[in-house]
Amino acid sequence: MGKIILEFDSQEEANDARTALDGIKWKMAMWDLDQKLRSTTKYGVSLSNPSQSATSEEVNIADKIRESIQDILISYNLTLVD
């Protein structure tokens, strides 16, 4: 595997450095959100109370949100699956 070196030289670039370092955390957070929505669309688990069944409206909304997330990721040339 090759090396990738990121250099941030000044205090002004501190936010850029944090953003670069937190990339995997953002990916995992999006994965967790997608899986929560998937539980609603596939298994009918309520988003507000996981011990209850989702309403048909919840399932429809969860499905639309998952589609929107996928569209946004595609527009940035990103994927949740390696």
C-alpha atoms as a PDB file:
ATOM      1  CA  MET A   1       0.000   0.000   0.000  1.00  0.00           C
ATOM      2  CA  GLY A   2       1.291   3.430  -0.875  1.00  0.00           C
ATOM      3  CA  LYS A   3       1.698   6.365   1.442  1.00  0.00           C
ATOM      4  CA  ILE A   4      -0.336   9.521   1.414  1.00  0.00           C
ATOM      5  CA  ILE A   5       1.106  12.464   3.280  1.00  0.00           C
ATOM      6  CA  LEU A   6      -1.052  15.444   4.185  1.00  0.00           C
ATOM      7  CA  GLU A   7       0.681  18.565   5.388  1.00  0.00           C
ATOM      8  CA  PHE A   8      -0.977  21.465   7.146  1.00  0.00           C
ATOM      9  CA  ASP A   9       1.473  24.230   7.953  1.00  0.00           C
ATOM     10  CA  SER A  10      -0.403  26.894   9.847  1.00  0.00           C
ATOM     11  CA  GLN A  11      -2.968  27.431  12.549  1.00  0.00           C
ATOM     12  CA  GLU A  12      -5.368  28.698   9.873  1.00  0.00           C
ATOM     13  CA  GLU A  13      -5.315  25.234   8.306  1.00  0.00           C
ATOM     14  CA  ALA A  14      -6.269  23.511  11.577  1.00  0.00           C
ATOM     15  CA  ASN A  15      -9.891  23.058  10.433  1.00  0.00           C
ATOM     16  CA  ASP A  16      -8.727  21.538   7.154  1.00  0.00           C
ATOM     17  CA  ALA A  17      -6.513  19.126   9.081  1.00  0.00           C
ATOM     18  CA  ARG A  18      -9.372  18.111  11.381  1.00  0.00           C
ATOM     19  CA  THR A  19     -11.671  17.591   8.384  1.00  0.00           C
ATOM     20  CA  ALA A  20      -9.082  15.364   6.695  1.00  0.00           C
ATOM     21  CA  LEU A  21      -8.527  13.330   9.844  1.00  0.00           C
ATOM     22  CA  ASP A  22     -12.238  12.928  10.592  1.00  0.00           C
ATOM     23  CA  GLY A  23     -13.136  11.543   7.158  1.00  0.00           C
ATOM     24  CA  ILE A  24     -13.567   7.971   8.407  1.00  0.00           C
ATOM     25  CA  LYS A  25     -15.762   9.186  11.258  1.00  0.00           C
ATOM     26  CA  TRP A  26     -18.054  10.927   8.775  1.00  0.00           C
ATOM     27  CA  LYS A  27     -18.231   7.781   6.671  1.00  0.00           C
ATOM     28  CA  MET A  28     -19.090   5.638   9.692  1.00  0.00           C
ATOM     29  CA  ALA A  29     -21.737   8.135  10.846  1.00  0.00           C
ATOM     30  CA  MET A  30     -23.365   8.027   7.391  1.00  0.00           C
ATOM     31  CA  TRP A  31     -23.153   4.213   7.429  1.00  0.00           C
ATOM     32  CA  ASP A  32     -24.917   4.118  10.821  1.00  0.00           C
ATOM     33  CA  LEU A  33     -27.641   6.482   9.587  1.00  0.00           C
ATOM     34  CA  ASP A  34     -28.139   4.417   6.438  1.00  0.00           C
ATOM     35  CA  GLN A  35     -28.382   1.203   8.473  1.00  0.00           C
ATOM     36  CA  LYS A  36     -30.950   2.752  10.811  1.00  0.00           C
ATOM     37  CA  LEU A  37     -33.042   3.820   7.819  1.00  0.00           C
ATOM     38  CA  ARG A  38     -32.554   0.381   6.249  1.00  0.00           C
ATOM     39  CA  SER A  39     -33.937  -1.258   9.390  1.00  0.00           C
ATOM     40  CA  THR A  40     -37.080   0.780   8.878  1.00  0.00           C
ATOM     41  CA  THR A  41     -37.448   0.068   5.165  1.00  0.00           C
ATOM     42  CA  LYS A  42     -36.493  -3.612   5.268  1.00  0.00           C
ATOM     43  CA  TYR A  43     -37.659  -4.811   8.676  1.00  0.00           C
ATOM     44  CA  GLY A  44     -40.294  -2.222   9.597  1.00  0.00           C
ATOM     45  CA  VAL A  45     -38.480  -0.984  12.712  1.00  0.00           C
ATOM     46  CA  SER A  46     -39.755   2.388  13.941  1.00  0.00           C
ATOM     47  CA  LEU A  47     -37.188   5.191  13.897  1.00  0.00           C
ATOM     48  CA  SER A  48     -38.611   6.857  17.000  1.00  0.00           C
ATOM     49  CA  ASN A  49     -39.056   3.661  19.038  1.00  0.00           C
ATOM     50  CA  PRO A  50     -37.081   0.604  17.833  1.00  0.00           C
ATOM     51  CA  SER A  51     -39.272  -1.724  19.917  1.00  0.00           C
ATOM     52  CA  GLN A  52     -42.311  -0.778  17.794  1.00  0.00           C
ATOM     53  CA  SER A  53     -43.232  -1.393  14.201  1.00  0.00           C
ATOM     54  CA  ALA A  54     -42.883   1.457  11.723  1.00  0.00           C
ATOM     55  CA  THR A  55     -45.909   3.010  10.126  1.00  0.00           C
ATOM     56  CA  SER A  56     -46.213   2.886   6.342  1.00  0.00           C
ATOM     57  CA  GLU A  57     -45.486   6.622   6.308  1.00  0.00           C
ATOM     58  CA  GLU A  58     -42.256   6.075   8.274  1.00  0.00           C
ATOM     59  CA  VAL A  59     -41.183   3.368   5.851  1.00  0.00           C
ATOM     60  CA  ASN A  60     -41.865   5.619   2.837  1.00  0.00           C
ATOM     61  CA  ILE A  61     -39.991   8.553   4.361  1.00  0.00           C
ATOM     62  CA  ALA A  62     -37.040   6.369   5.379  1.00  0.00           C
ATOM     63  CA  ASP A  63     -36.868   4.989   1.833  1.00  0.00           C
ATOM     64  CA  LYS A  64     -36.885   8.481   0.306  1.00  0.00           C
ATOM     65  CA  ILE A  65     -34.183   9.679   2.706  1.00  0.00           C
ATOM     66  CA  ARG A  66     -32.000   6.662   1.847  1.00  0.00           C
ATOM     67  CA  GLU A  67     -32.430   7.439  -1.851  1.00  0.00           C
ATOM     68  CA  SER A  68     -31.484  11.092  -1.251  1.00  0.00           C
ATOM     69  CA  ILE A  69     -28.384  10.081   0.699  1.00  0.00           C
ATOM     70  CA  GLN A  70     -27.319   7.748  -2.114  1.00  0.00           C
ATOM     71  CA  ASP A  71     -27.891  10.465  -4.732  1.00  0.00           C
ATOM     72  CA  ILE A  72     -25.810  12.949  -2.742  1.00  0.00           C
ATOM     73  CA  LEU A  73     -22.987  10.446  -2.229  1.00  0.00           C
ATOM     74  CA  ILE A  74     -22.972   9.607  -5.937  1.00  0.00           C
ATOM     75  CA  SER A  75     -22.802  13.305  -6.837  1.00  0.00           C
ATOM     76  CA  TYR A  76     -19.620  13.562  -4.723  1.00  0.00           C
ATOM     77  CA  ASN A  77     -18.270  10.292  -6.159  1.00  0.00           C
ATOM     78  CA  LEU A  78     -18.494   8.654  -2.729  1.00  0.00           C
ATOM     79  CA  THR A  79     -19.770   5.292  -1.542  1.00  0.00           C
ATOM     80  CA  LEU A  80     -20.502   3.708   1.814  1.00  0.00           C
ATOM     81  CA  VAL A  81     -19.396   0.287   0.590  1.00  0.00           C
ATOM     82  CA  ASP A  82     -15.722  -0.369  -0.126  1.00  0.00           C
END
